[in-house]
């Protein structure tokens, strides 16, 4: 989990990951990510590499493009890890998280839809 947290601790990588979460399981081509976020290709490539090695992204080739998509299972695991020990006998501490987690749960695709389209 530390590798995933470390990968997301960089503002640029966090921005890329959030864009790919919004894009859903179909993902985006690397060129589209670069254009939308106005990132130089070499900077984008380095950031995508770190996110991929952390297990936060899936990728596949589609013609001449490489399509990147957020790994929603890894994202759920990370969120679960962060709140796993929440409350420890004091539920009022984490009660506000219930609303946030419920909103997140409704937006995450089912496990049947996690594979990027080919």
Protein backbone atom coordinates (compact mmCIF):
# COMPACT_ATOMS: atom_id res chain seq x y z
CA UNK A 1 0.00 0.00 0.00
CA UNK A 2 2.88 2.36 0.67
CA UNK A 3 3.88 2.19 -3.01
CA UNK A 4 0.36 3.16 -4.08
CA UNK A 5 0.18 6.00 -1.59
CA UNK A 6 3.61 7.20 -2.66
CA UNK A 7 2.56 7.17 -6.33
CA UNK A 8 -0.50 9.28 -5.53
CA UNK A 9 1.46 11.67 -3.30
CA UNK A 10 2.68 13.52 -6.40
CA UNK A 11 0.25 16.20 -7.58
CA UNK A 12 0.70 15.40 -11.27
CA UNK A 13 0.16 11.66 -10.80
CA UNK A 14 -2.86 12.28 -8.59
CA UNK A 15 -4.35 14.51 -11.30
CA UNK A 16 -3.76 11.81 -13.93
CA UNK A 17 -5.28 9.12 -11.72
CA UNK A 18 -8.36 11.24 -10.96
CA UNK A 19 -8.85 11.91 -14.70
CA UNK A 20 -8.68 8.18 -15.40
CA UNK A 21 -11.14 7.45 -12.58
CA UNK A 22 -13.57 9.91 -14.19
CA UNK A 23 -12.98 8.27 -17.59
CA UNK A 24 -14.17 4.94 -16.19
CA UNK A 25 -13.08 1.45 -17.19
CA UNK A 26 -12.73 2.30 -20.89
CA UNK A 27 -9.85 4.62 -20.02
CA UNK A 28 -8.11 7.17 -22.23
CA UNK A 29 -5.33 7.13 -24.78
CA UNK A 30 -2.04 8.55 -23.55
CA UNK A 31 -2.27 11.36 -26.12
CA UNK A 32 -5.72 12.33 -24.86
CA UNK A 33 -4.45 12.45 -21.27
CA UNK A 34 -1.54 14.68 -22.34
CA UNK A 35 -3.85 17.04 -24.23
CA UNK A 36 -6.50 17.26 -21.52
CA UNK A 37 -3.99 17.90 -18.75
CA UNK A 38 -1.51 19.84 -20.90
CA UNK A 39 1.37 17.57 -19.86
CA UNK A 40 4.49 17.03 -21.93
CA UNK A 41 4.63 13.48 -23.34
CA UNK A 42 7.87 12.55 -21.53
CA UNK A 43 6.50 13.80 -18.19
CA UNK A 44 3.24 11.93 -18.77
CA UNK A 45 5.11 8.75 -19.67
CA UNK A 46 7.17 8.89 -16.47
CA UNK A 47 4.07 9.49 -14.34
CA UNK A 48 2.06 6.72 -16.05
CA UNK A 49 5.00 4.37 -15.47
CA UNK A 50 5.02 5.10 -11.72
CA UNK A 51 1.23 4.66 -11.46
CA UNK A 52 1.39 1.42 -13.45
CA UNK A 53 4.20 -0.03 -11.32
CA UNK A 54 2.18 0.85 -8.22
CA UNK A 55 -0.67 -1.29 -9.58
CA UNK A 56 -3.08 1.63 -9.95
CA UNK A 57 -3.45 1.48 -13.75
CA UNK A 58 -4.15 -1.08 -16.42
CA UNK A 59 -3.11 -0.51 -20.02
CA UNK A 60 -3.56 -2.10 -23.40
CA UNK A 61 -2.72 -1.29 -26.99
CA UNK A 62 -5.50 -0.19 -29.30
CA UNK A 63 -4.13 0.35 -32.78
CA UNK A 64 -1.29 2.83 -32.46
CA UNK A 65 -2.44 4.10 -29.05
CA UNK A 66 -1.93 2.82 -25.55
CA UNK A 67 -5.09 3.10 -23.51
CA UNK A 68 -4.74 3.61 -19.76
CA UNK A 69 -7.51 2.97 -17.23
CA UNK A 70 -7.69 3.23 -13.46
CA UNK A 71 -7.66 -0.12 -11.70
CA UNK A 72 -10.84 0.24 -9.64
CA UNK A 73 -10.08 -2.88 -7.61
CA UNK A 74 -6.75 -1.40 -6.52
CA UNK A 75 -8.49 1.88 -5.74
CA UNK A 76 -11.09 0.11 -3.58
CA UNK A 77 -8.32 -1.82 -1.80
CA UNK A 78 -6.47 1.42 -1.08
CA UNK A 79 -9.58 3.18 0.23
CA UNK A 80 -10.39 0.12 2.34
CA UNK A 81 -6.86 0.08 3.73
CA UNK A 82 -7.09 3.75 4.70
CA UNK A 83 -10.33 3.30 6.65
CA UNK A 84 -9.84 -0.29 7.80
CA UNK A 85 -8.95 0.59 11.38
CA UNK A 86 -11.17 3.63 11.57
CA UNK A 87 -13.17 4.20 14.74
CA UNK A 88 -11.45 1.63 16.98
CA UNK A 89 -14.15 1.90 19.61
CA UNK A 90 -15.13 5.51 18.83
CA UNK A 91 -17.57 5.38 15.89
CA UNK A 92 -18.23 9.14 16.07
CA UNK A 93 -14.72 9.71 14.69
CA UNK A 94 -15.47 8.02 11.37
CA UNK A 95 -19.22 8.58 11.13
CA UNK A 96 -18.79 11.36 8.54
CA UNK A 97 -16.86 8.94 6.33
CA UNK A 98 -19.98 6.81 5.92
CA UNK A 99 -21.57 9.38 3.61
CA UNK A 100 -18.37 9.78 1.58
CA UNK A 101 -17.85 6.04 1.19
CA UNK A 102 -21.49 5.53 0.19
CA UNK A 103 -21.10 8.12 -2.58
CA UNK A 104 -17.88 6.45 -3.77
CA UNK A 105 -19.44 2.98 -3.71
CA UNK A 106 -22.25 4.06 -6.01
CA UNK A 107 -19.80 5.34 -8.61
CA UNK A 108 -17.41 2.39 -8.81
CA UNK A 109 -18.22 -0.07 -11.60
CA UNK A 110 -19.04 -3.62 -10.66
CA UNK A 111 -16.16 -6.09 -10.82
CA UNK A 112 -17.62 -7.47 -14.04
CA UNK A 113 -16.85 -4.16 -15.76
CA UNK A 114 -13.30 -3.59 -14.51
CA UNK A 115 -11.50 -4.87 -17.60
CA UNK A 116 -10.80 -2.11 -20.13
CA UNK A 117 -12.58 -2.47 -23.45
CA UNK A 118 -10.44 -4.14 -26.11
